[in-house]
Amino acid sequence: MRASGTWIIACFVVILLSVRSHAQEDITIVGPDEYSSAVNPLTGLTVADPTTLQRRPLIVKISNYPPFVRPQSGLMEADIVWEHLLSGGVTRFSAVFLSQDSEHVGPIRSLRLFDFELVRIYRALSAYSGMAQGTRDVLATDALMSRRIVGGVDPCPALCRFPREGIALEHTLYGDTLALRELAQERERDMQPEPIYGMAFSENTPLGGTPLEGLQILYRETTIDWQYERERGIWARSQDGEAHLDATSGEQITATNVVVVEEEHTVQPVVSPGYWGPGDFAFSVNFIGSGRAYLLRDGQYFIGEWRRETRRDPLTFYSDIGTPLLFKPGNTFFALVPRWVDGYSLRFSMRDTPSVSVDGTIGVSMRLGPGEGYISPDVAYPGDTFTAIGRNNGADWVQLLSPDERVVWLPADTLNVNRYDLTQLPVVRPSNEP
């Protein structure tokens, strides 16, 4: 009888996956392997001037720390923006321009090892203001990257200083993307465009999403907040409790898609003091293999996976059933997070969240992370109620929102979950944690 029941469940799973797969086949999809000549492969949108797509993308490094560099210029004109870690747990941007240009983008800062992979992924040029000695040494061994960079100390209009009282010189460099392309041409960089592919797009919302109001990405020293604006169908960005504005328009930065991408960050050894710049810290991100991804679109989140076989390949994205992960046509902000223990945390604000209560007869120490080693800010007592908003990988610790809006953790076996399946909660911790 047990074997028969198992067989029935297996058949049901196969049927369910087949139904989901066939439902997705009825959706109009653009990409991920081919696009019409007028469709931007980075946004899925049709452009007015297809000749803008017959060039390499240009990736520009844009500062995001200290806080006084905000608001930045040019982020909303980029097709794709990657946010990644710096030393100290703060972040920096790599903005990818193809279908649009910006006359004033910045402040532009130094190249990082992560950008060596983005240049390959997007078959791009790379604009920057400088680099640490360690990065220069890596560049000297990378013929492809050496043919794609443009930057350093250059005259206007490609790179211009806009001094401000009280602001250090390194935060005053801005670029013009068209002039940067002309400078790259003058310096005989590799301007020959190559096919760009890897992203699939659909106006139709795919099946399998979970309704979501917002997402917080907690790096060690900064918190990024994306809130869904349902009337406009976009995600609005805040950082450290303040709306993140665009200097050009004065409006809040928004994205059609937000993607959290997790990958191994390999810390580089220190060769000499200052070799990797401030803090003697640098990491590389190979993007070879696969890893966890969360896609936010249309007020929902979708669990997915990025894949890349070799350095010659782009990034591709797949759903939890192995079909292409479908981006909504428009701009995308990627948040790159490290596969380190306690390297980051997520906080999902879901539309439907279960209420749980503390079981037993004695108090339980709440924790600031999923484990006894984390600080205990308080004690939860039998009968205390919380909202369950996430879990660790093993589902033996639950991320909770207290009535006073604190985010805490409790062991799953101390909670009355009212028959709720905790594995349905989003995983909010790095995949290498228990």
Protein backbone atom coordinates (compact mmCIF):
# COMPACT_ATOMS: atom_id res chain seq x y z
CA MET A 1 0.00 0.00 0.00
CA ARG A 2 2.85 2.40 0.89
CA ALA A 3 4.56 1.69 -2.46
CA SER A 4 1.31 2.36 -4.28
CA GLY A 5 0.91 5.69 -2.47
CA THR A 6 4.46 6.68 -3.38
CA TRP A 7 3.78 5.83 -7.04
CA ILE A 8 0.61 7.98 -7.03
CA ILE A 9 2.49 10.95 -5.54
CA ALA A 10 5.28 10.56 -8.12
CA CYS A 11 2.74 10.53 -10.97
CA PHE A 12 1.07 13.65 -9.56
CA VAL A 13 4.41 15.50 -9.44
CA VAL A 14 5.16 14.54 -13.07
CA ILE A 15 1.70 15.69 -14.18
CA LEU A 16 2.05 18.97 -12.26
CA LEU A 17 5.45 19.73 -13.83
CA SER A 18 4.06 18.86 -17.26
CA VAL A 19 1.09 21.21 -16.79
CA ARG A 20 3.37 24.04 -15.67
CA SER A 21 5.73 23.42 -18.56
CA HIS A 22 2.96 23.39 -21.18
CA ALA A 23 1.35 26.49 -19.67
CA GLN A 24 4.64 28.30 -20.06
CA GLU A 25 4.91 27.13 -23.68
CA ASP A 26 1.76 29.18 -24.42
CA ILE A 27 3.52 32.38 -23.24
CA THR A 28 5.19 34.55 -25.85
CA ILE A 29 8.91 34.47 -25.05
CA VAL A 30 11.74 36.62 -26.42
CA GLY A 31 15.17 34.97 -26.18
CA PRO A 32 17.20 33.56 -24.53
CA ASP A 33 19.15 32.45 -27.62
CA GLU A 34 17.90 34.70 -30.41
CA TYR A 35 16.34 38.18 -30.67
CA SER A 36 15.11 40.22 -33.60
CA SER A 37 17.43 42.98 -34.83
CA ALA A 38 15.30 45.64 -33.14
CA VAL A 39 15.03 43.94 -29.72
CA ASN A 40 17.53 44.78 -27.01
CA PRO A 41 18.85 41.45 -25.63
CA LEU A 42 19.47 43.11 -22.25
CA THR A 43 15.93 44.42 -21.76
CA GLY A 44 13.67 42.52 -24.20
CA LEU A 45 12.35 45.87 -25.43
CA THR A 46 12.05 47.00 -29.03
CA VAL A 47 14.25 50.05 -29.66
CA ALA A 48 13.51 52.99 -31.95
CA ASP A 49 16.99 52.88 -33.49
CA PRO A 50 18.27 49.32 -34.03
CA THR A 51 21.75 50.64 -34.89
CA THR A 52 22.30 51.31 -31.17
CA LEU A 53 22.31 47.54 -30.70
CA GLN A 54 25.08 47.04 -33.27
CA ARG A 55 27.84 47.86 -30.79
CA ARG A 56 29.38 46.47 -27.68
CA PRO A 57 27.70 47.27 -24.36
CA LEU A 58 29.65 49.70 -22.17
CA ILE A 59 30.03 48.91 -18.47
CA VAL A 60 30.68 51.92 -16.22
CA LYS A 61 31.85 51.66 -12.59
CA ILE A 62 29.74 53.88 -10.36
CA SER A 63 30.39 54.64 -6.71
CA ASN A 64 27.83 53.91 -3.98
CA TYR A 65 29.91 54.74 -0.90
CA PRO A 66 30.32 56.95 1.12
CA PRO A 67 26.63 57.92 1.29
CA PHE A 68 27.34 61.47 0.10
CA VAL A 69 27.98 60.14 -3.45
CA ARG A 70 24.24 59.56 -3.68
CA PRO A 71 22.29 60.51 -5.73
CA GLN A 72 24.35 59.23 -8.66
CA SER A 73 23.86 60.08 -12.32
CA GLY A 74 23.10 57.65 -15.14
CA LEU A 75 21.82 54.59 -13.30
CA MET A 76 18.32 54.93 -14.74
CA GLU A 77 19.69 55.13 -18.29
CA ALA A 78 21.49 51.79 -17.97
CA ASP A 79 19.82 48.63 -19.27
CA ILE A 80 21.29 46.53 -16.46
CA VAL A 81 22.91 47.47 -13.15
CA TRP A 82 24.94 45.07 -11.01
CA GLU A 83 25.44 45.85 -7.33
CA HIS A 84 28.34 44.09 -5.64
CA LEU A 85 30.35 44.08 -2.43
CA LEU A 86 33.37 46.19 -1.59
CA SER A 87 35.61 45.83 1.44
CA GLY A 88 33.82 46.72 4.64
CA GLY A 89 30.45 45.31 3.56
CA VAL A 90 29.35 48.29 1.42
CA THR A 91 28.54 48.18 -2.30
CA ARG A 92 29.43 49.57 -5.73
CA PHE A 93 27.68 49.48 -9.12
CA SER A 94 28.58 48.21 -12.58
CA ALA A 95 26.10 49.83 -14.99
CA VAL A 96 25.64 48.27 -18.43
CA PHE A 97 24.71 50.68 -21.27
CA LEU A 98 23.60 49.51 -24.71
CA SER A 99 20.30 50.93 -25.98
CA GLN A 100 20.67 54.32 -24.27
CA ASP A 101 23.54 56.70 -23.57
CA SER A 102 24.23 59.12 -20.75
CA GLU A 103 25.97 62.45 -21.08
CA HIS A 104 26.70 62.53 -17.35
CA VAL A 105 27.24 59.22 -15.55
CA GLY A 106 28.99 58.77 -12.23
CA PRO A 107 30.78 59.35 -9.99
CA ILE A 108 33.05 56.82 -11.71
CA ARG A 109 35.35 54.73 -9.56
CA SER A 110 37.92 51.97 -9.83
CA LEU A 111 37.78 48.64 -11.62
CA ARG A 112 37.33 45.44 -9.58
CA LEU A 113 38.05 41.79 -10.37
CA PHE A 114 34.31 41.13 -10.63
CA ASP A 115 34.24 43.37 -13.72
CA PHE A 116 36.59 41.01 -15.59
CA GLU A 117 33.70 38.51 -15.69
CA LEU A 118 31.01 41.05 -16.57
CA VAL A 119 33.04 42.17 -19.60
CA ARG A 120 33.01 38.57 -20.81
CA ILE A 121 29.38 37.90 -19.95
CA TYR A 122 28.13 40.93 -21.87
CA ARG A 123 30.90 41.04 -24.54
CA ALA A 124 31.39 44.60 -23.30
CA LEU A 125 33.77 47.54 -23.04
CA SER A 126 34.62 48.73 -19.53
CA ALA A 127 35.02 52.34 -18.32
CA TYR A 128 36.69 53.10 -15.02
CA SER A 129 38.72 55.71 -13.12
CA GLY A 130 41.66 53.61 -11.90
CA MET A 131 42.55 50.39 -10.15
CA ALA A 132 44.67 48.99 -7.34
CA GLN A 133 48.07 47.51 -8.11
CA GLY A 134 46.77 43.98 -7.66
CA THR A 135 44.06 44.56 -10.26
CA ARG A 136 46.66 46.04 -12.63
CA ASP A 137 48.76 42.90 -12.28
CA VAL A 138 45.77 40.70 -13.12
CA LEU A 139 44.95 42.95 -16.07
CA ALA A 140 48.47 42.54 -17.43
CA THR A 141 47.81 38.80 -17.78
CA ASP A 142 44.36 39.19 -19.40
CA ALA A 143 44.63 40.02 -23.10
CA LEU A 144 40.87 40.15 -23.65
CA MET A 145 40.26 42.59 -20.81
CA SER A 146 43.19 44.75 -21.88
CA ARG A 147 41.52 45.26 -25.29
CA ARG A 148 38.19 46.32 -23.73
CA ILE A 149 39.07 48.93 -21.09
CA VAL A 150 38.89 52.68 -21.42
CA GLY A 151 39.58 55.05 -18.56
CA GLY A 152 42.28 56.27 -16.24
CA VAL A 153 43.30 59.93 -16.53
CA ASP A 154 41.65 61.24 -19.70
CA PRO A 155 40.49 64.67 -20.88
CA CYS A 156 36.92 65.84 -21.32
CA PRO A 157 34.43 65.10 -22.73
CA ALA A 158 34.95 61.36 -22.13
CA LEU A 159 35.87 61.76 -18.46
CA CYS A 160 35.51 65.09 -16.68
CA ARG A 161 36.02 66.32 -13.13
CA PHE A 162 33.18 68.18 -11.44
CA PRO A 163 34.69 69.38 -8.15
CA ARG A 164 32.46 70.03 -5.14
CA GLU A 165 33.45 71.77 -1.94
CA GLY A 166 34.25 69.27 0.79
CA ILE A 167 34.20 66.28 -1.58
CA ALA A 168 37.44 64.35 -2.17
CA LEU A 169 38.82 64.29 -5.72
CA GLU A 170 38.13 60.57 -6.24
CA HIS A 171 34.37 61.22 -5.99
CA THR A 172 34.22 63.90 -8.72
CA LEU A 173 34.79 62.01 -12.00
CA TYR A 174 31.89 61.69 -14.45
CA GLY A 175 31.70 60.30 -17.97
CA ASP A 176 29.85 60.67 -21.26
CA THR A 177 29.11 57.22 -22.69
CA LEU A 178 29.21 58.31 -26.33
CA ALA A 179 32.52 60.12 -25.81
CA LEU A 180 33.89 57.07 -23.97
CA ARG A 181 33.07 54.93 -27.00
CA GLU A 182 34.86 57.44 -29.24
CA LEU A 183 37.87 57.35 -26.93
CA ALA A 184 37.88 53.54 -27.07
CA GLN A 185 37.84 53.77 -30.87
CA GLU A 186 40.79 56.21 -30.83
CA ARG A 187 42.74 53.84 -28.62
CA GLU A 188 42.01 50.96 -30.96
CA ARG A 189 40.11 48.90 -28.45
CA ASP A 190 38.15 45.87 -29.64
CA MET A 191 34.93 47.52 -30.83
CA GLN A 192 33.63 44.67 -32.99
CA PRO A 193 30.19 43.71 -31.58
CA GLU A 194 29.37 40.11 -30.73
CA PRO A 195 26.00 38.39 -30.25
CA ILE A 196 24.60 38.93 -26.75
CA TYR A 197 22.24 36.35 -25.33
CA GLY A 198 21.23 34.54 -22.14
CA MET A 199 18.13 36.37 -20.89
CA ALA A 200 14.54 35.37 -21.75
CA PHE A 201 11.68 37.89 -21.58
CA SER A 202 7.90 37.78 -21.50
CA GLU A 203 5.21 40.37 -20.83
CA ASN A 204 3.12 37.54 -19.39
CA THR A 205 3.65 36.77 -15.72
CA PRO A 206 4.87 33.15 -15.50
CA LEU A 207 3.36 30.54 -13.21
CA GLY A 208 4.87 29.56 -9.89
CA GLY A 209 5.48 32.96 -8.30
CA THR A 210 4.81 33.98 -4.70
CA PRO A 211 3.10 37.35 -4.02
CA LEU A 212 5.57 39.85 -2.58
CA GLU A 213 5.35 43.43 -1.32
CA GLY A 214 9.06 44.05 -0.94
CA LEU A 215 12.50 42.66 -0.28
CA GLN A 216 15.38 43.82 1.90
CA ILE A 217 18.91 42.73 1.03
CA LEU A 218 21.07 43.01 4.12
CA TYR A 219 24.76 43.24 3.35
CA ARG A 220 27.00 43.50 6.40
CA GLU A 221 27.15 47.30 6.40
CA THR A 222 24.29 48.45 4.18
CA THR A 223 20.65 47.53 3.60
CA ILE A 224 18.95 47.71 0.22
CA ASP A 225 15.16 47.89 0.11
CA TRP A 226 12.99 47.20 -2.96
CA GLN A 227 9.26 47.93 -2.60
CA TYR A 228 6.71 47.02 -5.26
CA GLU A 229 4.61 49.87 -6.66
CA ARG A 230 1.60 48.01 -7.92
CA GLU A 231 0.05 50.85 -9.94
CA ARG A 232 3.24 51.35 -11.96
CA GLY A 233 4.29 47.70 -11.96
CA ILE A 234 7.86 48.49 -10.87
CA TRP A 235 10.15 48.11 -7.87
CA ALA A 236 11.33 51.28 -6.07
CA ARG A 237 14.74 51.34 -4.39
CA SER A 238 15.78 52.68 -1.00
CA GLN A 239 19.09 52.34 0.82
CA ASP A 240 19.69 52.51 4.56
CA GLY A 241 16.20 53.83 5.17
CA GLU A 242 16.18 56.60 2.54
CA ALA A 243 14.74 56.68 -0.95
CA HIS A 244 17.59 56.26 -3.46
CA LEU A 245 17.23 59.05 -6.00
CA ASP A 246 18.54 59.53 -9.51
CA ALA A 247 20.49 62.81 -9.81
CA THR A 248 19.42 63.39 -13.42
CA SER A 249 15.66 63.19 -12.90
CA GLY A 250 15.44 63.76 -9.15
CA GLU A 251 13.09 60.77 -8.95
CA GLN A 252 13.46 57.50 -7.04
CA ILE A 253 15.43 54.76 -8.77
CA THR A 254 13.20 51.97 -10.05
CA ALA A 255 13.58 48.59 -11.75
CA THR A 256 11.28 46.37 -13.76
CA ASN A 257 13.15 43.31 -12.49
CA VAL A 258 15.26 42.77 -9.38
CA VAL A 259 17.41 39.66 -9.17
CA VAL A 260 19.37 38.37 -6.18
CA VAL A 261 22.28 36.26 -7.44
CA GLU A 262 24.41 34.19 -5.07
CA GLU A 263 27.91 33.04 -5.98
CA GLU A 264 31.19 32.13 -4.35
CA HIS A 265 33.41 35.12 -3.53
CA THR A 266 37.05 34.05 -3.32
CA VAL A 267 39.12 36.37 -1.13
CA GLN A 268 42.49 37.20 -2.71
CA PRO A 269 45.72 36.87 -0.69
CA VAL A 270 47.49 40.06 0.38
CA VAL A 271 50.84 40.39 -1.44
CA SER A 272 51.93 43.70 0.07
CA PRO A 273 50.30 46.56 2.02
CA GLY A 274 47.86 48.42 -0.22
CA TYR A 275 48.18 45.86 -3.03
CA TRP A 276 44.42 45.44 -3.29
CA GLY A 277 43.60 48.99 -2.26
CA PRO A 278 41.95 50.17 0.99
CA GLY A 279 41.72 47.44 3.56
CA ASP A 280 43.98 45.11 1.55
CA PHE A 281 40.82 43.32 0.49
CA ALA A 282 39.67 41.96 -2.85
CA PHE A 283 37.70 38.98 -4.09
CA SER A 284 37.09 37.28 -7.40
CA VAL A 285 33.78 35.88 -8.63
CA ASN A 286 34.14 33.19 -11.29
CA PHE A 287 30.50 32.64 -12.25
CA ILE A 288 31.26 29.13 -13.43
CA GLY A 289 28.77 26.38 -12.62
CA SER A 290 25.43 27.35 -11.11
CA GLY A 291 23.91 29.06 -8.11
CA ARG A 292 20.79 30.33 -6.43
CA ALA A 293 18.80 33.24 -7.88
CA TYR A 294 15.61 35.02 -6.87
CA LEU A 295 13.74 37.01 -9.56
CA LEU A 296 11.33 39.75 -8.52
CA ARG A 297 8.80 40.87 -11.15
CA ASP A 298 5.11 41.81 -11.25
CA GLY A 299 4.80 41.87 -7.45
CA GLN A 300 5.99 38.27 -7.11
CA TYR A 301 9.23 36.41 -6.52
CA PHE A 302 10.40 33.35 -8.41
CA ILE A 303 13.03 30.86 -7.25
CA GLY A 304 15.59 30.20 -9.95
CA GLU A 305 19.14 29.31 -10.82
CA TRP A 306 21.91 30.96 -12.83
CA ARG A 307 24.16 28.79 -15.00
CA ARG A 308 27.42 29.33 -16.90
CA GLU A 309 29.69 26.60 -18.22
CA THR A 310 32.83 28.48 -19.29
CA ARG A 311 34.26 32.00 -19.31
CA ARG A 312 33.26 32.27 -22.97
CA ASP A 313 29.58 31.87 -22.10
CA PRO A 314 26.99 34.38 -20.91
CA LEU A 315 24.93 33.93 -17.77
CA THR A 316 21.70 32.04 -18.31
CA PHE A 317 18.78 31.79 -15.90
CA TYR A 318 16.37 28.94 -15.25
CA SER A 319 13.24 28.43 -13.18
CA ASP A 320 12.83 25.80 -10.47
CA ILE A 321 11.43 23.37 -13.09
CA GLY A 322 14.29 23.87 -15.55
CA THR A 323 12.58 26.18 -18.04
CA PRO A 324 14.00 29.64 -18.86
CA LEU A 325 13.47 32.15 -16.06
CA LEU A 326 11.32 34.86 -17.65
CA PHE A 327 12.28 38.47 -17.06
CA LYS A 328 9.73 41.19 -17.69
CA PRO A 329 10.80 43.48 -20.56
CA GLY A 330 12.54 46.47 -19.01
CA ASN A 331 15.59 47.32 -16.92
CA THR A 332 17.06 44.94 -14.34
CA PHE A 333 19.01 45.50 -11.13
CA PHE A 334 21.12 42.51 -10.05
CA ALA A 335 22.23 42.18 -6.43
CA LEU A 336 25.29 39.93 -6.17
CA VAL A 337 25.59 38.32 -2.72
CA PRO A 338 28.43 36.15 -1.37
CA ARG A 339 28.20 32.48 -0.57
CA TRP A 340 29.76 33.06 2.85
CA VAL A 341 28.48 32.04 6.26
CA ASP A 342 26.64 35.11 7.55
CA GLY A 343 27.63 36.89 4.32
CA TYR A 344 24.16 38.36 3.76
CA SER A 345 20.54 37.96 4.75
CA LEU A 346 17.21 38.57 3.01
CA ARG A 347 13.92 39.77 4.40
CA PHE A 348 10.86 39.08 2.27
CA SER A 349 7.69 41.12 2.88
CA MET A 350 5.08 38.70 1.63
CA ARG A 351 1.39 39.37 1.17
CA ASP A 352 0.37 36.15 2.95
CA THR A 353 2.47 35.09 5.91
CA PRO A 354 1.71 32.48 8.59
CA SER A 355 1.31 33.35 12.24
CA VAL A 356 3.18 31.09 14.67
CA SER A 357 3.39 30.91 18.45
CA VAL A 358 5.94 29.73 20.98
CA ASP A 359 5.32 26.25 22.35
CA GLY A 360 6.35 24.66 25.64
CA THR A 361 6.38 25.85 29.21
CA ILE A 362 9.57 27.94 29.46
CA GLY A 363 11.03 30.94 27.68
CA VAL A 364 13.23 30.56 24.59
CA SER A 365 16.14 32.81 23.69
CA MET A 366 15.52 34.68 20.47
CA ARG A 367 18.57 35.02 18.21
CA LEU A 368 19.75 37.49 15.58
CA GLY A 369 20.62 34.62 13.25
CA PRO A 370 19.84 30.93 12.74
CA GLY A 371 21.95 29.40 15.48
CA GLU A 372 22.81 29.41 19.18
CA GLY A 373 26.01 31.33 18.43
CA TYR A 374 24.14 34.51 17.52
CA ILE A 375 23.38 37.25 20.04
CA SER A 376 20.14 36.90 21.96
CA PRO A 377 18.33 40.25 22.14
CA ASP A 378 15.43 38.96 24.22
CA VAL A 379 13.40 35.96 25.37
CA ALA A 380 10.20 34.65 23.79
CA TYR A 381 7.68 33.09 26.16
CA PRO A 382 5.04 30.39 25.63
CA GLY A 383 2.08 31.85 23.76
CA ASP A 384 4.02 34.76 22.22
CA THR A 385 3.03 35.14 18.57
CA PHE A 386 5.16 36.09 15.56
CA THR A 387 4.89 36.27 11.79
CA ALA A 388 7.07 33.69 10.02
CA ILE A 389 8.86 35.36 7.10
CA GLY A 390 11.79 33.09 6.24
CA ARG A 391 13.93 30.11 7.13
CA ASN A 392 17.43 28.73 6.95
CA ASN A 393 18.41 26.02 4.47
CA GLY A 394 17.63 23.16 6.85
CA ALA A 395 14.28 24.67 7.89
CA ASP A 396 15.22 24.03 11.53
CA TRP A 397 15.39 27.77 12.28
CA VAL A 398 12.66 30.26 11.41
CA GLN A 399 13.05 33.97 10.66
CA LEU A 400 10.31 35.84 12.51
CA LEU A 401 8.84 39.32 12.61
CA SER A 402 7.83 40.33 16.12
CA PRO A 403 4.82 42.56 16.88
CA ASP A 404 7.24 45.47 17.41
CA GLU A 405 8.76 44.92 13.93
CA ARG A 406 12.00 43.29 15.08
CA VAL A 407 13.45 40.48 12.94
CA VAL A 408 14.54 37.56 15.12
CA TRP A 409 15.12 33.82 14.86
CA LEU A 410 13.82 30.85 16.85
CA PRO A 411 14.35 27.09 16.48
CA ALA A 412 11.52 25.48 14.52
CA ASP A 413 10.93 22.85 17.20
CA THR A 414 10.01 25.56 19.73
CA LEU A 415 7.15 26.85 17.58
CA ASN A 416 3.55 25.87 17.00
CA VAL A 417 3.28 26.38 13.23
CA ASN A 418 -0.36 25.28 12.94
CA ARG A 419 0.51 22.55 10.42
CA TYR A 420 2.17 25.08 8.12
CA ASP A 421 4.94 23.58 5.99
CA LEU A 422 8.04 25.61 6.89
CA THR A 423 9.77 24.54 3.69
CA GLN A 424 7.34 26.85 1.86
CA LEU A 425 9.03 29.87 3.44
CA PRO A 426 11.78 31.56 1.39
CA VAL A 427 15.38 30.65 2.20
CA VAL A 428 16.97 33.88 3.40
CA ARG A 429 20.49 32.80 4.28
CA PRO A 430 23.55 31.79 2.19
CA SER A 431 23.27 28.34 0.61
CA ASN A 432 26.41 27.07 2.36
CA GLU A 433 24.87 27.57 5.78
CA PRO A 434 23.12 24.62 7.46
